[in-house]
Each structure stands twice: as C-alpha cells, then as structure tokens.
C-alpha cells in the first residue's frame, strides 16, 4: 500500500511538470538576442549590461567599466509590466568597477495576521487519518511576484543613466518565452 502511494505521488509530480522560461530582447533590434543561462552582453553608453535567466527570472546586471561613477536615475527610469502599468525604479549609484542588479519580476514580502487553516493526512500501520487545524493570531509571511509575467508577454525597460552630468536613455523590450 505504501509503495502504491509513493508511486502515485511520483506520477502526479511528473505529470504536473515544471514550466521553465527564457527571455528575449526584441527591441532595439540592434541588440536583440535570446537570454538564457549564459549571459547575453549588451554595451550601451556608459555601461555594460549582462542579461540572464535564472530560476525563471530575468536578471539584469548593469556594470560600470569606466573610471567615473554612473548613476541609474530611478526618478527618470521605469519598468512597464505586461499589463502596461509603469513601475518606478529606485535610484542606484554604480561606482567604477562595480554593478547594480535588477531581478524581474521583483519579489514582494507579504505579511499577514489572518487565521491560518491547514489540512493534513497520512497513513500508518494502524489505519488512515485525516485532520484539520486552525491557528489564530499567527503572523505569516511569504514572497509574491510584483506582477504576473506570462509566456509571450513583454515588458519594457527605460533606463536613464547619468555620468559627469550627462544623461543617457536606453529603452529595451523583453519577451518571456516558454522553454
């Protein structure tokens, strides 16, 4: 009986499958390319950007290879998520020989004081049991995505950099693809 249960659990796990994603820069066309496990490197004045997919998330590392500080102007930069909502960005200083990192979609910590309800069950040598428990006043927290990014949907990044009082704007469109 236990062997059947284990086999059933394994079968259900395999049947549900794991969805994995990759990303692709589609604009500007001159920088278009597939973003996978290995970094896709783009060079735009005044930075070098390495794009990669890690755990189904888009990782954007912005490197300053110059001798003077670069500032990512969060007050002028934006991420436009798949439904068209503009999301603000925080400003970041990028000193020489360092980088800033964006993880997209960002994760938000959600805390709750709501009652917690749980169900449990099991089998043993003396029979089968099912139970239910309710806990009150317990604080729970979990991470959730800031937005839902489905396959074949795109986001837009407008990144504004400042270096030596000069502003430079770069716009990228990135699509999520199912592997």
Foldseek 3Di string as FASTA:
>chain_A
DVVVVVVVVVVVVVVVDDWAKWKWWPPPVVQTDTAEQAWRWDDDPPWIWTWHADPRKIKIKTAGQDQAKKKWPQVPKWKQDQVRDTDTDDIDIHHHGGIDMDIPQDKDKDKDQQKDKDKDWDADPVGTDIDIDIGHRDMDIDIDGPDDADAQTKMKIWIWMATPNDIDIDMIIMGMHID
